[in-house]
Amino acid sequence: GSMVKMADGSTRSIENLVRGDKTYSTPIEVTLDVIGGKWKAVLAYHIIQGPQRFSELKRLVPGITEKMLTQQLRELERDGVVSRTVFAEVPPRVEYRITEHGASLQPVLAAMCSWGREHWQQSAAGAEG
């Protein structure tokens, strides 16, 4: 790995993380690969609260297209964050729930929520002054 100078002046070794044909220089990139982009963290946040149906997620996430919602859910499923269950009903009911692996994102999403709230309050306060 290469040495990187940290903000506090210390140096540390950075090991590249390799998975398949992808190489990551920091674990943050791995996390962003799974929940990065505009929608995935938001979808995970809603599904972590409890099982959600496709139509419910579409309502909870205004602005997302059906095509994009399908794609993002598929990728979250591929990465083991959510599971998809189809119920043999007419019309068929599809439910998305958080997996055990996905549930481990809870503290990450909670931190994102509190950071976002503080940032929003600061910028709102700054805009007034």
Protein backbone atom coordinates (compact mmCIF):
# COMPACT_ATOMS: atom_id res chain seq x y z
CA GLY A 1 0.00 0.00 0.00
CA SER A 2 0.97 3.66 -0.21
CA MET A 3 1.48 6.10 2.65
CA VAL A 4 -1.05 8.89 3.03
CA LYS A 5 -0.67 12.05 5.13
CA MET A 6 -3.72 12.51 7.36
CA ALA A 7 -5.31 15.84 8.35
CA ASP A 8 -3.75 15.59 11.82
CA GLY A 9 -0.27 15.34 10.31
CA SER A 10 0.16 11.62 10.96
CA THR A 11 0.76 9.18 8.12
CA ARG A 12 -0.84 5.83 7.56
CA SER A 13 -0.67 3.07 5.05
CA ILE A 14 -3.52 2.74 2.57
CA GLU A 15 -4.16 -0.76 1.36
CA ASN A 16 -6.09 -1.14 -1.86
CA LEU A 17 -9.17 -3.29 -1.47
CA VAL A 18 -9.79 -5.52 -4.45
CA ARG A 19 -13.08 -7.27 -5.16
CA GLY A 20 -13.52 -8.94 -8.52
CA ASP A 21 -12.51 -6.44 -11.19
CA LYS A 22 -12.88 -3.47 -8.82
CA THR A 23 -10.15 -1.82 -6.81
CA TYR A 24 -11.02 0.56 -3.99
CA SER A 25 -8.49 2.90 -2.38
CA THR A 26 -10.60 3.43 0.77
CA PRO A 27 -13.38 1.50 2.53
CA ILE A 28 -15.59 4.59 2.03
CA GLU A 29 -15.66 3.78 -1.69
CA VAL A 30 -16.94 0.28 -0.88
CA THR A 31 -19.74 1.77 1.24
CA LEU A 32 -20.63 4.31 -1.46
CA ASP A 33 -20.67 1.52 -4.03
CA VAL A 34 -23.46 -0.10 -2.02
CA ILE A 35 -25.47 2.92 -0.77
CA GLY A 36 -24.07 5.80 -2.83
CA GLY A 37 -26.01 7.83 -5.37
CA LYS A 38 -29.21 9.76 -4.93
CA TRP A 39 -31.60 6.99 -3.87
CA LYS A 40 -30.06 3.90 -2.25
CA ALA A 41 -29.44 5.25 1.26
CA VAL A 42 -32.95 6.75 1.23
CA LEU A 43 -34.49 3.42 0.16
CA ALA A 44 -32.47 1.51 2.77
CA TYR A 45 -33.58 4.06 5.38
CA HIS A 46 -37.27 3.41 4.61
CA ILE A 47 -36.92 -0.38 4.33
CA ILE A 48 -34.99 -0.56 7.62
CA GLN A 49 -38.12 0.85 9.36
CA GLY A 50 -40.06 -2.24 8.25
CA PRO A 51 -41.08 -4.23 5.15
CA GLN A 52 -42.18 -2.03 2.26
CA ARG A 53 -44.10 -2.68 -0.92
CA PHE A 54 -42.97 -1.24 -4.25
CA SER A 55 -45.93 1.18 -4.42
CA GLU A 56 -45.25 2.32 -0.85
CA LEU A 57 -41.58 3.05 -1.65
CA LYS A 58 -42.64 5.00 -4.72
CA ARG A 59 -44.88 7.12 -2.46
CA LEU A 60 -42.20 7.53 0.25
CA VAL A 61 -39.56 8.62 -2.28
CA PRO A 62 -41.14 11.32 -4.44
CA GLY A 63 -39.18 12.10 -7.58
CA ILE A 64 -37.91 8.57 -8.22
CA THR A 65 -39.08 6.99 -11.46
CA GLU A 66 -40.42 3.45 -11.54
CA LYS A 67 -37.49 2.37 -13.70
CA MET A 68 -34.95 3.87 -11.31
CA LEU A 69 -36.72 2.41 -8.25
CA THR A 70 -36.65 -1.05 -9.84
CA GLN A 71 -32.96 -0.70 -10.72
CA GLN A 72 -31.90 0.59 -7.29
CA LEU A 73 -33.86 -2.12 -5.45
CA ARG A 74 -32.28 -4.74 -7.71
CA GLU A 75 -28.80 -3.46 -6.86
CA LEU A 76 -29.56 -3.35 -3.12
CA GLU A 77 -30.80 -6.93 -3.43
CA ARG A 78 -27.65 -7.95 -5.35
CA ASP A 79 -25.48 -6.47 -2.59
CA GLY A 80 -27.40 -8.36 0.10
CA VAL A 81 -28.93 -5.25 1.70
CA VAL A 82 -32.58 -6.04 0.96
CA SER A 83 -34.53 -9.19 0.16
CA ARG A 84 -37.50 -9.36 -2.18
CA THR A 85 -40.47 -11.61 -1.46
CA VAL A 86 -43.26 -12.25 -3.97
CA PHE A 87 -46.53 -13.40 -2.43
CA ALA A 88 -48.74 -15.73 -4.47
CA GLU A 89 -51.72 -13.42 -4.48
CA VAL A 90 -53.79 -11.79 -7.19
CA PRO A 91 -52.51 -9.24 -7.96
CA PRO A 92 -49.07 -10.46 -6.81
CA ARG A 93 -47.71 -8.60 -3.82
CA VAL A 94 -43.98 -7.85 -3.68
CA GLU A 95 -42.38 -6.91 -0.39
CA TYR A 96 -38.89 -5.60 0.28
CA ARG A 97 -37.31 -6.15 3.69
CA ILE A 98 -33.94 -5.41 5.18
CA THR A 99 -31.56 -8.36 5.50
CA GLU A 100 -29.40 -8.98 8.56
CA HIS A 101 -26.47 -7.60 6.58
CA GLY A 102 -28.54 -4.57 5.55
CA ALA A 103 -29.58 -3.96 9.16
CA SER A 104 -25.90 -3.37 9.99
CA LEU A 105 -26.24 -0.11 7.99
CA GLN A 106 -28.48 1.28 10.76
CA PRO A 107 -25.69 3.24 12.54
CA VAL A 108 -24.37 4.52 9.19
CA LEU A 109 -27.82 5.79 8.15
CA ALA A 110 -28.43 7.22 11.65
CA ALA A 111 -25.13 9.13 11.43
CA MET A 112 -26.07 10.42 7.97
CA CYS A 113 -29.43 11.58 9.36
CA SER A 114 -27.97 13.47 12.30
CA TRP A 115 -25.17 14.99 10.22
CA GLY A 116 -27.70 16.10 7.60
CA ARG A 117 -29.97 17.61 10.23
CA GLU A 118 -27.11 19.58 11.82
CA HIS A 119 -25.79 20.71 8.45
CA TRP A 120 -29.29 21.81 7.38
CA GLN A 121 -29.80 23.75 10.65
CA GLN A 122 -26.39 25.44 10.30
CA SER A 123 -26.95 26.40 6.69
CA ALA A 124 -30.48 27.61 7.51
CA ALA A 125 -29.09 29.72 10.36
CA GLY A 126 -26.30 30.99 8.12
CA ALA A 127 -28.78 31.99 5.42
CA GLU A 128 -30.70 34.18 7.90
CA GLY A 129 -27.58 35.96 9.18
